[in-house]
């Protein structure tokens, strides 16, 4: 039986990728970092095992930092247009986060099963996702967020 394949890429088309099989998890994050990373009200995270994701072409640049819980977070984005395509978070070793909006149509083919950091959700956003959390189960802030994230 052939596994499901989905393709996607950045805004300018320089970076193209393919995923094989189903994601391990997918959901919506309303944290201030995802809001600033996407320039929108939330981020959509679709997580796959590393061996399920292949970059077909294009060059990615990385930006790594520690989040407020002191854990590593690494973004991978297109060198030309700046679209964030992938990320890795220390808490999810062995998984690649794919930006949900970067999949080719039908873009939102996956089921979002969780919604986190609802405490900073934009008041005009309403979803049908049942699993909602004010933060996350593993949120343990030890480093103050920078002023760009807190206002």
Protein backbone atom coordinates (compact mmCIF):
# COMPACT_ATOMS: atom_id res chain seq x y z
CA UNK A 1 0.00 0.00 0.00
CA UNK A 2 1.46 3.35 -1.05
CA UNK A 3 1.62 6.01 1.64
CA UNK A 4 -0.05 9.36 1.18
CA UNK A 5 2.22 12.07 -0.25
CA UNK A 6 1.83 15.83 0.02
CA UNK A 7 3.98 18.56 -1.53
CA UNK A 8 4.49 22.15 -0.59
CA UNK A 9 6.91 25.04 -0.59
CA UNK A 10 7.68 28.64 0.17
CA UNK A 11 5.95 31.74 -1.18
CA UNK A 12 8.37 32.32 -4.08
CA UNK A 13 8.57 28.64 -5.08
CA UNK A 14 12.33 28.29 -4.58
CA UNK A 15 11.94 25.77 -1.75
CA UNK A 16 9.90 22.65 -2.45
CA UNK A 17 9.34 19.70 -0.14
CA UNK A 18 7.39 16.46 0.11
CA UNK A 19 5.93 14.59 3.07
CA UNK A 20 5.14 10.88 3.02
CA UNK A 21 2.52 9.34 5.30
CA UNK A 22 0.41 10.91 7.98
CA UNK A 23 1.61 13.48 10.51
CA UNK A 24 2.10 12.41 14.13
CA UNK A 25 0.15 15.48 15.27
CA UNK A 26 -1.20 18.76 13.95
CA UNK A 27 -2.64 21.82 15.63
CA UNK A 28 -2.94 25.53 16.11
CA UNK A 29 -0.70 27.67 18.32
CA UNK A 30 -1.63 31.18 19.48
CA UNK A 31 1.64 31.92 21.35
CA UNK A 32 3.17 35.34 20.76
CA UNK A 33 6.14 33.76 19.02
CA UNK A 34 3.94 31.99 16.44
CA UNK A 35 2.01 35.22 15.96
CA UNK A 36 5.18 37.18 15.20
CA UNK A 37 6.74 34.32 13.17
CA UNK A 38 3.71 34.11 10.88
CA UNK A 39 2.65 37.75 10.95
CA UNK A 40 -0.84 36.45 11.70
CA UNK A 41 -3.10 35.52 14.60
CA UNK A 42 -1.71 31.98 14.99
CA UNK A 43 0.61 29.33 13.60
CA UNK A 44 -0.38 25.94 12.24
CA UNK A 45 1.98 23.11 13.15
CA UNK A 46 1.97 19.79 11.31
CA UNK A 47 4.54 17.40 12.82
CA UNK A 48 6.15 14.50 10.96
CA UNK A 49 8.93 12.07 11.80
CA UNK A 50 12.19 13.34 10.26
CA UNK A 51 12.29 10.49 7.73
CA UNK A 52 8.85 11.51 6.40
CA UNK A 53 10.01 14.95 5.16
CA UNK A 54 12.25 15.59 2.15
CA UNK A 55 13.47 18.90 0.78
CA UNK A 56 13.29 18.55 -3.00
CA UNK A 57 14.99 21.82 -3.92
CA UNK A 58 15.91 25.26 -2.66
CA UNK A 59 18.08 26.68 0.08
CA UNK A 60 16.94 27.15 3.64
CA UNK A 61 18.41 29.43 6.28
CA UNK A 62 18.19 28.62 9.98
CA UNK A 63 17.44 30.78 12.98
CA UNK A 64 17.88 29.16 16.40
CA UNK A 65 16.96 30.55 19.81
CA UNK A 66 15.80 29.42 23.25
CA UNK A 67 12.15 29.89 24.11
CA UNK A 68 10.92 31.13 27.50
CA UNK A 69 11.12 27.56 28.86
CA UNK A 70 14.83 27.52 27.96
CA UNK A 71 14.38 24.97 25.16
CA UNK A 72 15.93 25.18 21.70
CA UNK A 73 13.70 26.22 18.81
CA UNK A 74 15.07 26.24 15.26
CA UNK A 75 13.26 27.79 12.29
CA UNK A 76 14.16 26.92 8.72
CA UNK A 77 13.06 29.45 6.12
CA UNK A 78 13.55 30.29 2.43
CA UNK A 79 16.67 32.35 1.76
CA UNK A 80 14.90 34.31 -0.98
CA UNK A 81 11.41 35.13 0.30
CA UNK A 82 11.73 34.42 4.03
CA UNK A 83 8.79 32.01 4.30
CA UNK A 84 9.14 29.80 7.37
CA UNK A 85 8.70 26.25 6.08
CA UNK A 86 9.99 24.00 8.89
CA UNK A 87 11.00 24.08 12.53
CA UNK A 88 12.36 21.81 15.19
CA UNK A 89 11.67 22.16 18.88
CA UNK A 90 13.71 20.49 21.58
CA UNK A 91 10.60 19.09 23.27
CA UNK A 92 9.72 17.16 20.07
CA UNK A 93 13.01 15.41 19.25
CA UNK A 94 12.96 13.52 15.95
CA UNK A 95 10.01 15.51 14.60
CA UNK A 96 9.92 18.23 11.96
CA UNK A 97 7.23 20.88 12.22
CA UNK A 98 5.84 21.89 8.85
CA UNK A 99 4.02 25.21 8.45
CA UNK A 100 0.48 24.10 7.61
CA UNK A 101 -0.13 26.91 5.13
CA UNK A 102 2.84 25.92 2.97
CA UNK A 103 1.24 22.72 1.66
CA UNK A 104 -0.01 22.81 -1.93
CA UNK A 105 -3.80 22.77 -2.36
CA UNK A 106 -5.70 21.23 -0.83
CA UNK A 107 -3.60 23.09 1.73
CA UNK A 108 -5.43 22.06 4.89
CA UNK A 109 -5.82 18.33 4.23
CA UNK A 110 -4.77 17.35 7.79
CA UNK A 111 -6.91 17.40 10.93
CA UNK A 112 -5.87 19.91 13.59
CA UNK A 113 -6.26 18.04 16.86
CA UNK A 114 -5.09 20.61 19.42
CA UNK A 115 -5.09 24.34 20.11
CA UNK A 116 -2.49 25.79 22.50
CA UNK A 117 -1.67 29.14 24.08
CA UNK A 118 -5.31 30.16 23.92
CA UNK A 119 -4.49 32.77 26.57
CA UNK A 120 -3.06 34.97 23.78
CA UNK A 121 -5.61 34.01 21.11
CA UNK A 122 -6.99 36.91 19.05
CA UNK A 123 -10.57 37.60 20.19
CA UNK A 124 -11.92 37.22 16.65
CA UNK A 125 -10.61 33.64 16.21
CA UNK A 126 -12.97 30.75 16.90
CA UNK A 127 -12.25 27.13 16.00
CA UNK A 128 -14.08 23.82 16.33
CA UNK A 129 -11.04 22.14 17.91
CA UNK A 130 -12.04 20.46 21.18
CA UNK A 131 -8.59 20.10 22.81
CA UNK A 132 -7.82 23.69 23.91
CA UNK A 133 -5.20 24.73 26.46
CA UNK A 134 -4.32 28.12 27.96
CA UNK A 135 -0.60 27.29 27.50
CA UNK A 136 0.78 23.75 27.04
CA UNK A 137 1.39 20.79 29.32
CA UNK A 138 5.15 21.34 29.09
CA UNK A 139 5.22 25.15 29.48
CA UNK A 140 7.75 26.01 32.21
CA UNK A 141 8.91 29.62 31.75
CA UNK A 142 12.36 30.29 33.16
CA UNK A 143 13.46 33.07 30.77
CA UNK A 144 11.38 36.24 30.38
CA UNK A 145 10.08 36.74 26.85
CA UNK A 146 11.72 39.63 25.04
CA UNK A 147 9.85 42.92 24.75
CA UNK A 148 8.84 42.23 21.13
CA UNK A 149 6.76 39.29 22.39
CA UNK A 150 5.34 40.88 25.54
CA UNK A 151 4.68 44.47 24.43
